[in-house]
Amino acid sequence: METPREWAKRFNRQTMNEEADSHSPNAETPDDSVRASEVPSEPFPCPACGQLLAPSCRVCVACKHAIDPAEIAKPQRDMVAAPLTVTEPKPEPVRYPWVLFFAVLGVSFLLAQIFIEFWDLEKAKLAMGGVQALAGIWVFFDALRQHLPRPLRWGLGTMILPVVIFPWYLARRRAPQSSVPFVEAEVGPVTRFLFFALAVFFLLCAILYVVQGPALK
């Protein structure tokens, strides 16, 4: 059984150990740990006036409001949980390039005059038809290579109306993210059938002109 003197020594030893632990620099109370977790690590707005403050600021420089870390911890968590969503603007459709239109029109007249100078009128017409066909074929395969929508429409449109469609395609291929609703828009079955019939009619007329046109007087 402990004597009163031994019990007093053991009590004093325990008291000294508790005081040493309480004065230790590494000791951390529950309140200190909670506040340390609430202290911001990035600039934050003042809860009272919205002034942007440094992480170490504890008094607002604008409204002199005392900053409580508990007031700014929740807004920061909400900002992290809800990231900003940026919507990209939709590209505008390609406008008709009138400068290219007049350039293609001038080149067409120049080619026609050259063909007429070297051949008669019938052969010049045949040569111009060949140029239109080659332009339409190039447009079709180039649209496939550029991954542009409706390559067949672009190719047939260039064959049928080269002066109108060909300049528009040249402007379209320089803006792959845009579109040309006049050519690339979805159409109904009736419009699709009429377009197909017009293309077939044009091809038949071209074949008949090549085969029988020069012989007819």
C-alpha atoms as a PDB file:
ATOM      1  CA  MET A   1       0.000   0.000   0.000  1.00  0.00           C
ATOM      2  CA  GLU A   2       1.299   3.477  -0.984  1.00  0.00           C
ATOM      3  CA  THR A   3       2.296   5.849   1.719  1.00  0.00           C
ATOM      4  CA  PRO A   4       1.029   9.463   1.603  1.00  0.00           C
ATOM      5  CA  ARG A   5       4.507  10.643   0.572  1.00  0.00           C
ATOM      6  CA  GLU A   6       4.689   8.183  -2.390  1.00  0.00           C
ATOM      7  CA  TRP A   7       1.177   9.130  -3.508  1.00  0.00           C
ATOM      8  CA  ALA A   8       2.089  12.840  -3.423  1.00  0.00           C
ATOM      9  CA  LYS A   9       5.231  12.210  -5.535  1.00  0.00           C
ATOM     10  CA  ARG A  10       3.256  10.242  -8.139  1.00  0.00           C
ATOM     11  CA  PHE A  11       0.567  12.956  -8.283  1.00  0.00           C
ATOM     12  CA  ASN A  12       3.197  15.694  -8.772  1.00  0.00           C
ATOM     13  CA  ARG A  13       4.879  13.670 -11.539  1.00  0.00           C
ATOM     14  CA  GLN A  14       1.596  13.251 -13.445  1.00  0.00           C
ATOM     15  CA  THR A  15       0.796  16.954 -13.085  1.00  0.00           C
ATOM     16  CA  MET A  16       4.212  17.956 -14.460  1.00  0.00           C
ATOM     17  CA  ASN A  17       3.782  15.637 -17.492  1.00  0.00           C
ATOM     18  CA  GLU A  18       0.373  17.131 -18.308  1.00  0.00           C
ATOM     19  CA  GLU A  19       1.741  20.683 -18.076  1.00  0.00           C
ATOM     20  CA  ALA A  20       4.663  19.780 -20.342  1.00  0.00           C
ATOM     21  CA  ASP A  21       2.282  18.335 -22.930  1.00  0.00           C
ATOM     22  CA  SER A  22       0.063  21.428 -22.816  1.00  0.00           C
ATOM     23  CA  HIS A  23       3.076  23.740 -23.382  1.00  0.00           C
ATOM     24  CA  SER A  24       4.538  21.637 -26.196  1.00  0.00           C
ATOM     25  CA  PRO A  25       4.733  23.523 -29.552  1.00  0.00           C
ATOM     26  CA  ASN A  26       3.422  20.500 -31.415  1.00  0.00           C
ATOM     27  CA  ALA A  27       0.339  20.186 -29.245  1.00  0.00           C
ATOM     28  CA  GLU A  28      -2.859  21.094 -31.104  1.00  0.00           C
ATOM     29  CA  THR A  29      -6.252  21.650 -29.549  1.00  0.00           C
ATOM     30  CA  PRO A  30      -9.463  20.568 -31.361  1.00  0.00           C
ATOM     31  CA  ASP A  31     -10.384  24.223 -31.989  1.00  0.00           C
ATOM     32  CA  ASP A  32      -6.982  24.952 -33.514  1.00  0.00           C
ATOM     33  CA  SER A  33      -7.217  21.949 -35.853  1.00  0.00           C
ATOM     34  CA  VAL A  34     -10.692  22.963 -36.990  1.00  0.00           C
ATOM     35  CA  ARG A  35      -9.615  26.568 -37.622  1.00  0.00           C
ATOM     36  CA  ALA A  36      -6.459  25.445 -39.454  1.00  0.00           C
ATOM     37  CA  SER A  37      -8.589  23.391 -41.832  1.00  0.00           C
ATOM     38  CA  GLU A  38     -10.862  26.403 -42.434  1.00  0.00           C
ATOM     39  CA  VAL A  39      -8.074  28.897 -43.212  1.00  0.00           C
ATOM     40  CA  PRO A  40      -8.119  29.626 -46.982  1.00  0.00           C
ATOM     41  CA  SER A  41      -5.102  28.921 -49.128  1.00  0.00           C
ATOM     42  CA  GLU A  42      -6.179  31.113 -52.067  1.00  0.00           C
ATOM     43  CA  PRO A  43      -7.496  34.672 -52.426  1.00  0.00           C
ATOM     44  CA  PHE A  44     -11.132  34.943 -51.327  1.00  0.00           C
ATOM     45  CA  PRO A  45     -13.897  37.588 -51.470  1.00  0.00           C
ATOM     46  CA  CYS A  46     -14.919  39.431 -48.330  1.00  0.00           C
ATOM     47  CA  PRO A  47     -18.195  37.972 -46.937  1.00  0.00           C
ATOM     48  CA  ALA A  48     -19.472  41.502 -46.240  1.00  0.00           C
ATOM     49  CA  CYS A  49     -18.550  43.601 -49.296  1.00  0.00           C
ATOM     50  CA  GLY A  50     -17.056  41.134 -51.805  1.00  0.00           C
ATOM     51  CA  GLN A  51     -13.597  42.752 -51.919  1.00  0.00           C
ATOM     52  CA  LEU A  52     -10.947  40.235 -53.040  1.00  0.00           C
ATOM     53  CA  LEU A  53      -8.546  39.596 -50.137  1.00  0.00           C
ATOM     54  CA  ALA A  54      -5.275  37.732 -49.677  1.00  0.00           C
ATOM     55  CA  PRO A  55      -5.343  34.341 -47.879  1.00  0.00           C
ATOM     56  CA  SER A  56      -3.546  35.797 -44.833  1.00  0.00           C
ATOM     57  CA  CYS A  57      -5.870  38.790 -44.497  1.00  0.00           C
ATOM     58  CA  ARG A  58      -8.062  38.792 -41.366  1.00  0.00           C
ATOM     59  CA  VAL A  59      -9.594  42.303 -41.643  1.00  0.00           C
ATOM     60  CA  CYS A  60     -11.136  43.564 -44.887  1.00  0.00           C
ATOM     61  CA  VAL A  61      -9.202  46.511 -46.289  1.00  0.00           C
ATOM     62  CA  ALA A  62     -12.378  48.029 -47.746  1.00  0.00           C
ATOM     63  CA  CYS A  63     -15.099  47.669 -45.115  1.00  0.00           C
ATOM     64  CA  LYS A  64     -12.915  46.770 -42.065  1.00  0.00           C
ATOM     65  CA  HIS A  65     -14.981  43.637 -41.469  1.00  0.00           C
ATOM     66  CA  ALA A  66     -13.327  41.024 -39.245  1.00  0.00           C
ATOM     67  CA  ILE A  67     -12.832  37.882 -41.286  1.00  0.00           C
ATOM     68  CA  ASP A  68     -14.032  34.651 -39.710  1.00  0.00           C
ATOM     69  CA  PRO A  69     -12.550  31.581 -41.499  1.00  0.00           C
ATOM     70  CA  ALA A  70     -15.835  29.744 -40.966  1.00  0.00           C
ATOM     71  CA  GLU A  71     -17.610  32.334 -43.160  1.00  0.00           C
ATOM     72  CA  ILE A  72     -15.370  31.810 -46.169  1.00  0.00           C
ATOM     73  CA  ALA A  73     -14.807  28.053 -46.004  1.00  0.00           C
ATOM     74  CA  LYS A  74     -18.209  27.094 -47.422  1.00  0.00           C
ATOM     75  CA  PRO A  75     -18.200  29.468 -50.436  1.00  0.00           C
ATOM     76  CA  GLN A  76     -14.791  28.129 -51.481  1.00  0.00           C
ATOM     77  CA  ARG A  77     -16.082  24.567 -51.367  1.00  0.00           C
ATOM     78  CA  ASP A  78     -19.088  25.595 -53.448  1.00  0.00           C
ATOM     79  CA  MET A  79     -16.834  27.253 -56.018  1.00  0.00           C
ATOM     80  CA  VAL A  80     -14.763  24.092 -56.370  1.00  0.00           C
ATOM     81  CA  ALA A  81     -17.841  21.877 -56.596  1.00  0.00           C
ATOM     82  CA  ALA A  82     -19.459  23.966 -59.351  1.00  0.00           C
ATOM     83  CA  PRO A  83     -16.879  24.679 -62.088  1.00  0.00           C
ATOM     84  CA  LEU A  84     -17.636  27.309 -64.665  1.00  0.00           C
ATOM     85  CA  THR A  85     -18.998  26.093 -67.992  1.00  0.00           C
ATOM     86  CA  VAL A  86     -17.919  28.077 -71.031  1.00  0.00           C
ATOM     87  CA  THR A  87     -20.119  27.781 -74.111  1.00  0.00           C
ATOM     88  CA  GLU A  88     -18.312  28.184 -77.395  1.00  0.00           C
ATOM     89  CA  PRO A  89     -20.005  30.493 -79.902  1.00  0.00           C
ATOM     90  CA  LYS A  90     -21.569  28.769 -82.878  1.00  0.00           C
ATOM     91  CA  PRO A  91     -19.703  29.577 -86.118  1.00  0.00           C
ATOM     92  CA  GLU A  92     -21.600  31.696 -88.599  1.00  0.00           C
ATOM     93  CA  PRO A  93     -22.580  30.311 -92.026  1.00  0.00           C
ATOM     94  CA  VAL A  94     -20.271  31.048 -94.930  1.00  0.00           C
ATOM     95  CA  ARG A  95     -21.484  34.104 -96.797  1.00  0.00           C
ATOM     96  CA  TYR A  96     -21.481  34.161-100.553  1.00  0.00           C
ATOM     97  CA  PRO A  97     -18.048  35.335-101.795  1.00  0.00           C
ATOM     98  CA  TRP A  98     -18.835  37.940-104.420  1.00  0.00           C
ATOM     99  CA  VAL A  99     -15.168  38.661-105.031  1.00  0.00           C
ATOM    100  CA  LEU A 100     -14.542  35.016-105.950  1.00  0.00           C
ATOM    101  CA  PHE A 101     -17.728  35.040-108.033  1.00  0.00           C
ATOM    102  CA  PHE A 102     -16.476  37.840-110.264  1.00  0.00           C
ATOM    103  CA  ALA A 103     -13.024  36.242-110.404  1.00  0.00           C
ATOM    104  CA  VAL A 104     -14.446  32.890-111.576  1.00  0.00           C
ATOM    105  CA  LEU A 105     -16.744  34.690-114.018  1.00  0.00           C
ATOM    106  CA  GLY A 106     -13.799  36.539-115.522  1.00  0.00           C
ATOM    107  CA  VAL A 107     -11.721  33.353-115.815  1.00  0.00           C
ATOM    108  CA  SER A 108     -14.673  31.609-117.507  1.00  0.00           C
ATOM    109  CA  PHE A 109     -14.974  34.373-120.131  1.00  0.00           C
ATOM    110  CA  LEU A 110     -11.219  34.258-120.684  1.00  0.00           C
ATOM    111  CA  LEU A 111     -11.230  30.480-121.213  1.00  0.00           C
ATOM    112  CA  ALA A 112     -14.195  30.763-123.584  1.00  0.00           C
ATOM    113  CA  GLN A 113     -12.366  33.366-125.699  1.00  0.00           C
ATOM    114  CA  ILE A 114      -9.231  31.208-125.796  1.00  0.00           C
ATOM    115  CA  PHE A 115     -11.190  28.129-126.904  1.00  0.00           C
ATOM    116  CA  ILE A 116     -13.000  30.120-129.593  1.00  0.00           C
ATOM    117  CA  GLU A 117      -9.700  31.491-130.902  1.00  0.00           C
ATOM    118  CA  PHE A 118      -8.205  28.002-131.286  1.00  0.00           C
ATOM    119  CA  TRP A 119     -11.352  26.038-132.286  1.00  0.00           C
ATOM    120  CA  ASP A 120     -14.767  26.684-133.756  1.00  0.00           C
ATOM    121  CA  LEU A 121     -17.833  27.440-131.621  1.00  0.00           C
ATOM    122  CA  GLU A 122     -18.958  23.833-131.267  1.00  0.00           C
ATOM    123  CA  LYS A 123     -15.571  22.609-130.058  1.00  0.00           C
ATOM    124  CA  ALA A 124     -15.282  25.612-127.724  1.00  0.00           C
ATOM    125  CA  LYS A 125     -18.623  24.680-126.119  1.00  0.00           C
ATOM    126  CA  LEU A 126     -17.456  21.107-125.776  1.00  0.00           C
ATOM    127  CA  ALA A 127     -14.213  22.249-124.142  1.00  0.00           C
ATOM    128  CA  MET A 128     -16.082  24.460-121.679  1.00  0.00           C
ATOM    129  CA  GLY A 129     -18.339  21.526-120.790  1.00  0.00           C
ATOM    130  CA  GLY A 130     -15.236  19.428-120.133  1.00  0.00           C
ATOM    131  CA  VAL A 131     -13.839  22.120-117.854  1.00  0.00           C
ATOM    132  CA  GLN A 132     -17.117  22.174-115.908  1.00  0.00           C
ATOM    133  CA  ALA A 133     -17.091  18.388-115.562  1.00  0.00           C
ATOM    134  CA  LEU A 134     -13.480  18.353-114.364  1.00  0.00           C
ATOM    135  CA  ALA A 135     -14.237  21.128-111.858  1.00  0.00           C
ATOM    136  CA  GLY A 136     -17.210  19.167-110.495  1.00  0.00           C
ATOM    137  CA  ILE A 137     -15.158  15.978-110.165  1.00  0.00           C
ATOM    138  CA  TRP A 138     -12.386  17.845-108.352  1.00  0.00           C
ATOM    139  CA  VAL A 139     -14.890  19.472-105.987  1.00  0.00           C
ATOM    140  CA  PHE A 140     -16.464  16.081-105.178  1.00  0.00           C
ATOM    141  CA  PHE A 141     -13.195  14.353-104.282  1.00  0.00           C
ATOM    142  CA  ASP A 142     -11.807  17.424-102.516  1.00  0.00           C
ATOM    143  CA  ALA A 143     -14.934  17.627-100.338  1.00  0.00           C
ATOM    144  CA  LEU A 144     -14.465  13.972 -99.437  1.00  0.00           C
ATOM    145  CA  ARG A 145     -10.829  14.585 -98.522  1.00  0.00           C
ATOM    146  CA  GLN A 146     -11.737  17.666 -96.449  1.00  0.00           C
ATOM    147  CA  HIS A 147     -14.542  15.705 -94.701  1.00  0.00           C
ATOM    148  CA  LEU A 148     -17.115  18.323 -95.705  1.00  0.00           C
ATOM    149  CA  PRO A 149     -20.815  17.421 -95.661  1.00  0.00           C
ATOM    150  CA  ARG A 150     -22.739  16.782 -98.899  1.00  0.00           C
ATOM    151  CA  PRO A 151     -19.790  16.260-101.285  1.00  0.00           C
ATOM    152  CA  LEU A 152     -22.104  14.950-104.025  1.00  0.00           C
ATOM    153  CA  ARG A 153     -24.210  18.113-103.895  1.00  0.00           C
ATOM    154  CA  TRP A 154     -21.112  20.263-104.134  1.00  0.00           C
ATOM    155  CA  GLY A 155     -19.814  18.278-107.117  1.00  0.00           C
ATOM    156  CA  LEU A 156     -23.082  18.224-109.055  1.00  0.00           C
ATOM    157  CA  GLY A 157     -23.750  21.870-108.227  1.00  0.00           C
ATOM    158  CA  THR A 158     -20.362  22.799-109.650  1.00  0.00           C
ATOM    159  CA  MET A 159     -21.113  20.860-112.852  1.00  0.00           C
ATOM    160  CA  ILE A 160     -24.563  22.420-113.313  1.00  0.00           C
ATOM    161  CA  LEU A 161     -23.870  25.990-112.092  1.00  0.00           C
ATOM    162  CA  PRO A 162     -20.096  26.329-112.013  1.00  0.00           C
ATOM    163  CA  VAL A 163     -19.981  30.136-111.856  1.00  0.00           C
ATOM    164  CA  VAL A 164     -22.364  30.193-108.855  1.00  0.00           C
ATOM    165  CA  ILE A 165     -21.423  27.098-106.813  1.00  0.00           C
ATOM    166  CA  PHE A 166     -17.675  26.833-107.462  1.00  0.00           C
ATOM    167  CA  PRO A 167     -16.775  30.194-105.799  1.00  0.00           C
ATOM    168  CA  TRP A 168     -18.969  29.293-102.825  1.00  0.00           C
ATOM    169  CA  TYR A 169     -17.167  25.989-102.429  1.00  0.00           C
ATOM    170  CA  LEU A 170     -13.770  27.690-102.514  1.00  0.00           C
ATOM    171  CA  ALA A 171     -14.892  29.902 -99.625  1.00  0.00           C
ATOM    172  CA  ARG A 172     -16.441  26.923 -97.811  1.00  0.00           C
ATOM    173  CA  ARG A 173     -13.287  24.800 -97.841  1.00  0.00           C
ATOM    174  CA  ARG A 174     -11.380  27.614 -96.116  1.00  0.00           C
ATOM    175  CA  ALA A 175     -13.849  27.540 -93.192  1.00  0.00           C
ATOM    176  CA  PRO A 176     -14.266  23.854 -92.257  1.00  0.00           C
ATOM    177  CA  GLN A 177     -16.058  24.685 -88.965  1.00  0.00           C
ATOM    178  CA  SER A 178     -18.789  26.739 -90.672  1.00  0.00           C
ATOM    179  CA  SER A 179     -21.581  25.604 -92.980  1.00  0.00           C
ATOM    180  CA  VAL A 180     -23.600  26.544 -96.060  1.00  0.00           C
ATOM    181  CA  PRO A 181     -27.263  25.771 -95.302  1.00  0.00           C
ATOM    182  CA  PHE A 182     -28.270  26.398 -98.934  1.00  0.00           C
ATOM    183  CA  VAL A 183     -26.274  23.341-100.019  1.00  0.00           C
ATOM    184  CA  GLU A 184     -25.714  21.290 -96.858  1.00  0.00           C
ATOM    185  CA  ALA A 185     -29.105  21.538 -95.129  1.00  0.00           C
ATOM    186  CA  GLU A 186     -31.319  18.493 -94.683  1.00  0.00           C
ATOM    187  CA  VAL A 187     -34.012  18.247 -97.365  1.00  0.00           C
ATOM    188  CA  GLY A 188     -37.185  16.236 -97.730  1.00  0.00           C
ATOM    189  CA  PRO A 189     -37.669  13.254-100.052  1.00  0.00           C
ATOM    190  CA  VAL A 190     -39.418  15.371-102.714  1.00  0.00           C
ATOM    191  CA  THR A 191     -36.603  17.905-102.912  1.00  0.00           C
ATOM    192  CA  ARG A 192     -34.060  15.098-102.953  1.00  0.00           C
ATOM    193  CA  PHE A 193     -35.866  13.398-105.851  1.00  0.00           C
ATOM    194  CA  LEU A 194     -36.087  16.647-107.844  1.00  0.00           C
ATOM    195  CA  PHE A 195     -32.406  17.316-107.322  1.00  0.00           C
ATOM    196  CA  PHE A 196     -31.529  13.784-108.406  1.00  0.00           C
ATOM    197  CA  ALA A 197     -33.751  14.061-111.496  1.00  0.00           C
ATOM    198  CA  LEU A 198     -32.124  17.379-112.432  1.00  0.00           C
ATOM    199  CA  ALA A 199     -28.674  15.857-112.106  1.00  0.00           C
ATOM    200  CA  VAL A 200     -29.616  12.883-114.287  1.00  0.00           C
ATOM    201  CA  PHE A 201     -31.150  15.192-116.888  1.00  0.00           C
ATOM    202  CA  PHE A 202     -27.997  17.287-116.973  1.00  0.00           C
ATOM    203  CA  LEU A 203     -25.792  14.234-117.428  1.00  0.00           C
ATOM    204  CA  LEU A 204     -27.993  12.867-120.215  1.00  0.00           C
ATOM    205  CA  CYS A 205     -27.918  16.216-122.019  1.00  0.00           C
ATOM    206  CA  ALA A 206     -24.146  16.342-121.710  1.00  0.00           C
ATOM    207  CA  ILE A 207     -23.783  12.795-123.107  1.00  0.00           C
ATOM    208  CA  LEU A 208     -26.141  13.530-126.028  1.00  0.00           C
ATOM    209  CA  TYR A 209     -24.286  16.738-126.802  1.00  0.00           C
ATOM    210  CA  VAL A 210     -20.935  14.948-126.863  1.00  0.00           C
ATOM    211  CA  VAL A 211     -22.206  12.113-129.041  1.00  0.00           C
ATOM    212  CA  GLN A 212     -24.597  13.859-131.449  1.00  0.00           C
ATOM    213  CA  GLY A 213     -24.207  17.599-130.926  1.00  0.00           C
ATOM    214  CA  PRO A 214     -21.452  18.425-133.410  1.00  0.00           C
ATOM    215  CA  ALA A 215     -23.113  16.319-136.163  1.00  0.00           C
ATOM    216  CA  LEU A 216     -26.474  18.148-135.916  1.00  0.00           C
ATOM    217  CA  LYS A 217     -26.904  21.188-138.219  1.00  0.00           C
END
